[in-house]
Amino acid sequence: MKIENAKAQMRKGVLEYCILSILSKDDSYASGIIKKLKEAKLIIVEGTLYPLLTRQKNAGLLSYNWVESKQGPPRKYYKLTEKGEQFLNILNTSWNELVESVTEITETIL
């Protein structure tokens, strides 16, 4: 098994959670989300992000509105819906439980 494949799968598993977390702090357009993910070293491209945003919007977790830009075309700003906030709260609990479990296992082994 190649390490890069394993690392990519780990990142993919948390991307939807990270997107919701980013949007819980502030509405954002796709390029802004990508920038924040890259700053956190979760490298992602638009071709990966847009299907995730569409899936989350179709599930009722996100909404969007168009905002005029001073430079270029209008931007689609994504926002967490009330359902998205509730879903994120559940994911936060699940994430914390997962981190505790993995930490317990890895500390026991090491």
C-alpha atoms as a PDB file:
ATOM      1  CA  MET A   1       0.000   0.000   0.000  1.00  0.00           C
ATOM      2  CA  LYS A   2       1.348   3.413  -0.914  1.00  0.00           C
ATOM      3  CA  ILE A   3       1.477   5.966   1.898  1.00  0.00           C
ATOM      4  CA  GLU A   4       0.182   8.766  -0.344  1.00  0.00           C
ATOM      5  CA  ASN A   5      -2.983   6.770  -1.083  1.00  0.00           C
ATOM      6  CA  ALA A   6      -3.573   6.158   2.629  1.00  0.00           C
ATOM      7  CA  LYS A   7      -3.049   9.832   3.435  1.00  0.00           C
ATOM      8  CA  ALA A   8      -5.401  10.895   0.634  1.00  0.00           C
ATOM      9  CA  GLN A   9      -8.124   8.570   1.917  1.00  0.00           C
ATOM     10  CA  MET A  10      -7.772   9.974   5.434  1.00  0.00           C
ATOM     11  CA  ARG A  11      -8.140  13.538   4.100  1.00  0.00           C
ATOM     12  CA  LYS A  12     -11.154  12.638   1.971  1.00  0.00           C
ATOM     13  CA  GLY A  13     -12.855  11.186   5.012  1.00  0.00           C
ATOM     14  CA  VAL A  14     -12.822  14.498   6.848  1.00  0.00           C
ATOM     15  CA  LEU A  15     -13.359  16.996   4.011  1.00  0.00           C
ATOM     16  CA  GLU A  16     -17.132  17.260   4.360  1.00  0.00           C
ATOM     17  CA  TYR A  17     -16.763  17.807   8.096  1.00  0.00           C
ATOM     18  CA  CYS A  18     -14.107  20.472   7.513  1.00  0.00           C
ATOM     19  CA  ILE A  19     -16.235  22.272   4.923  1.00  0.00           C
ATOM     20  CA  LEU A  20     -19.156  22.477   7.336  1.00  0.00           C
ATOM     21  CA  SER A  21     -16.821  23.662  10.083  1.00  0.00           C
ATOM     22  CA  ILE A  22     -15.425  26.423   7.875  1.00  0.00           C
ATOM     23  CA  LEU A  23     -18.908  27.583   6.919  1.00  0.00           C
ATOM     24  CA  SER A  24     -20.061  27.536  10.543  1.00  0.00           C
ATOM     25  CA  LYS A  25     -17.673  30.412  11.216  1.00  0.00           C
ATOM     26  CA  ASP A  26     -18.477  32.529   8.152  1.00  0.00           C
ATOM     27  CA  ASP A  27     -20.199  32.321   4.776  1.00  0.00           C
ATOM     28  CA  SER A  28     -17.716  31.719   1.986  1.00  0.00           C
ATOM     29  CA  TYR A  29     -17.339  31.149  -1.719  1.00  0.00           C
ATOM     30  CA  ALA A  30     -15.565  28.096  -3.137  1.00  0.00           C
ATOM     31  CA  SER A  31     -12.154  29.735  -3.566  1.00  0.00           C
ATOM     32  CA  GLY A  32     -12.268  30.947   0.047  1.00  0.00           C
ATOM     33  CA  ILE A  33     -13.050  27.435   1.269  1.00  0.00           C
ATOM     34  CA  ILE A  34     -10.192  26.004  -0.810  1.00  0.00           C
ATOM     35  CA  LYS A  35      -7.818  28.627   0.595  1.00  0.00           C
ATOM     36  CA  LYS A  36      -8.716  27.726   4.191  1.00  0.00           C
ATOM     37  CA  LEU A  37      -8.355  24.005   3.489  1.00  0.00           C
ATOM     38  CA  LYS A  38      -4.950  24.569   1.870  1.00  0.00           C
ATOM     39  CA  GLU A  39      -3.828  26.697   4.823  1.00  0.00           C
ATOM     40  CA  ALA A  40      -4.692  23.718   7.016  1.00  0.00           C
ATOM     41  CA  LYS A  41      -2.662  21.466   4.669  1.00  0.00           C
ATOM     42  CA  LEU A  42      -5.765  19.691   3.379  1.00  0.00           C
ATOM     43  CA  ILE A  43      -4.896  20.113  -0.283  1.00  0.00           C
ATOM     44  CA  ILE A  44      -8.003  20.158  -2.436  1.00  0.00           C
ATOM     45  CA  VAL A  45      -8.929  21.286  -5.940  1.00  0.00           C
ATOM     46  CA  GLU A  46     -12.156  22.760  -7.273  1.00  0.00           C
ATOM     47  CA  GLY A  47     -12.995  19.485  -9.008  1.00  0.00           C
ATOM     48  CA  THR A  48     -13.143  17.835  -5.592  1.00  0.00           C
ATOM     49  CA  LEU A  49     -14.873  20.665  -3.732  1.00  0.00           C
ATOM     50  CA  TYR A  50     -17.818  21.386  -6.014  1.00  0.00           C
ATOM     51  CA  PRO A  51     -19.341  17.876  -5.882  1.00  0.00           C
ATOM     52  CA  LEU A  52     -19.069  17.959  -2.068  1.00  0.00           C
ATOM     53  CA  LEU A  53     -20.755  21.376  -1.909  1.00  0.00           C
ATOM     54  CA  THR A  54     -23.497  20.192  -4.265  1.00  0.00           C
ATOM     55  CA  ARG A  55     -24.090  17.048  -2.205  1.00  0.00           C
ATOM     56  CA  GLN A  56     -24.283  19.089   1.012  1.00  0.00           C
ATOM     57  CA  LYS A  57     -26.629  21.623  -0.613  1.00  0.00           C
ATOM     58  CA  ASN A  58     -28.883  18.852  -1.943  1.00  0.00           C
ATOM     59  CA  ALA A  59     -28.987  17.338   1.542  1.00  0.00           C
ATOM     60  CA  GLY A  60     -30.229  20.662   2.912  1.00  0.00           C
ATOM     61  CA  LEU A  61     -27.053  21.324   4.902  1.00  0.00           C
ATOM     62  CA  LEU A  62     -26.037  24.383   2.861  1.00  0.00           C
ATOM     63  CA  SER A  63     -27.711  27.192   1.010  1.00  0.00           C
ATOM     64  CA  TYR A  64     -26.120  29.804  -1.211  1.00  0.00           C
ATOM     65  CA  ASN A  65     -26.649  33.251  -2.599  1.00  0.00           C
ATOM     66  CA  TRP A  66     -24.981  35.233  -5.332  1.00  0.00           C
ATOM     67  CA  VAL A  67     -22.937  38.268  -4.308  1.00  0.00           C
ATOM     68  CA  GLU A  68     -21.692  40.847  -6.787  1.00  0.00           C
ATOM     69  CA  SER A  69     -17.919  41.093  -7.004  1.00  0.00           C
ATOM     70  CA  LYS A  70     -15.933  44.281  -7.564  1.00  0.00           C
ATOM     71  CA  GLN A  71     -13.577  42.243  -9.718  1.00  0.00           C
ATOM     72  CA  GLY A  72     -15.083  39.701 -12.065  1.00  0.00           C
ATOM     73  CA  PRO A  73     -18.385  37.849 -12.079  1.00  0.00           C
ATOM     74  CA  PRO A  74     -20.703  37.416  -9.078  1.00  0.00           C
ATOM     75  CA  ARG A  75     -19.624  34.845  -6.497  1.00  0.00           C
ATOM     76  CA  LYS A  76     -21.734  32.072  -5.049  1.00  0.00           C
ATOM     77  CA  TYR A  77     -21.475  32.325  -1.245  1.00  0.00           C
ATOM     78  CA  TYR A  78     -22.321  29.186   0.702  1.00  0.00           C
ATOM     79  CA  LYS A  79     -23.968  29.295   4.107  1.00  0.00           C
ATOM     80  CA  LEU A  80     -24.774  26.648   6.694  1.00  0.00           C
ATOM     81  CA  THR A  81     -28.501  26.055   7.125  1.00  0.00           C
ATOM     82  CA  GLU A  82     -30.145  25.265  10.445  1.00  0.00           C
ATOM     83  CA  LYS A  83     -30.149  21.603   9.417  1.00  0.00           C
ATOM     84  CA  GLY A  84     -26.440  21.958   8.580  1.00  0.00           C
ATOM     85  CA  GLU A  85     -25.730  23.394  12.035  1.00  0.00           C
ATOM     86  CA  GLN A  86     -27.515  20.466  13.684  1.00  0.00           C
ATOM     87  CA  PHE A  87     -25.649  17.999  11.472  1.00  0.00           C
ATOM     88  CA  LEU A  88     -22.333  19.675  12.299  1.00  0.00           C
ATOM     89  CA  ASN A  89     -23.060  19.409  16.032  1.00  0.00           C
ATOM     90  CA  ILE A  90     -23.553  15.662  15.629  1.00  0.00           C
ATOM     91  CA  LEU A  91     -20.341  15.411  13.596  1.00  0.00           C
ATOM     92  CA  ASN A  92     -18.460  17.371  16.279  1.00  0.00           C
ATOM     93  CA  THR A  93     -19.504  14.812  18.881  1.00  0.00           C
ATOM     94  CA  SER A  94     -18.582  11.926  16.585  1.00  0.00           C
ATOM     95  CA  TRP A  95     -15.222  13.522  15.751  1.00  0.00           C
ATOM     96  CA  ASN A  96     -14.340  14.013  19.411  1.00  0.00           C
ATOM     97  CA  GLU A  97     -15.232  10.386  20.174  1.00  0.00           C
ATOM     98  CA  LEU A  98     -13.136   9.211  17.220  1.00  0.00           C
ATOM     99  CA  VAL A  99     -10.136  11.311  18.264  1.00  0.00           C
ATOM    100  CA  GLU A 100     -10.355   9.921  21.808  1.00  0.00           C
ATOM    101  CA  SER A 101     -10.555   6.339  20.518  1.00  0.00           C
ATOM    102  CA  VAL A 102      -7.672   6.717  18.085  1.00  0.00           C
ATOM    103  CA  THR A 103      -5.559   8.479  20.707  1.00  0.00           C
ATOM    104  CA  GLU A 104      -6.235   5.705  23.194  1.00  0.00           C
ATOM    105  CA  ILE A 105      -5.271   3.049  20.681  1.00  0.00           C
ATOM    106  CA  THR A 106      -2.151   4.790  19.402  1.00  0.00           C
ATOM    107  CA  GLU A 107      -0.903   5.711  22.877  1.00  0.00           C
ATOM    108  CA  THR A 108      -1.353   2.128  24.020  1.00  0.00           C
ATOM    109  CA  ILE A 109       0.626   0.823  21.057  1.00  0.00           C
ATOM    110  CA  LEU A 110       3.379   3.415  21.263  1.00  0.00           C
END
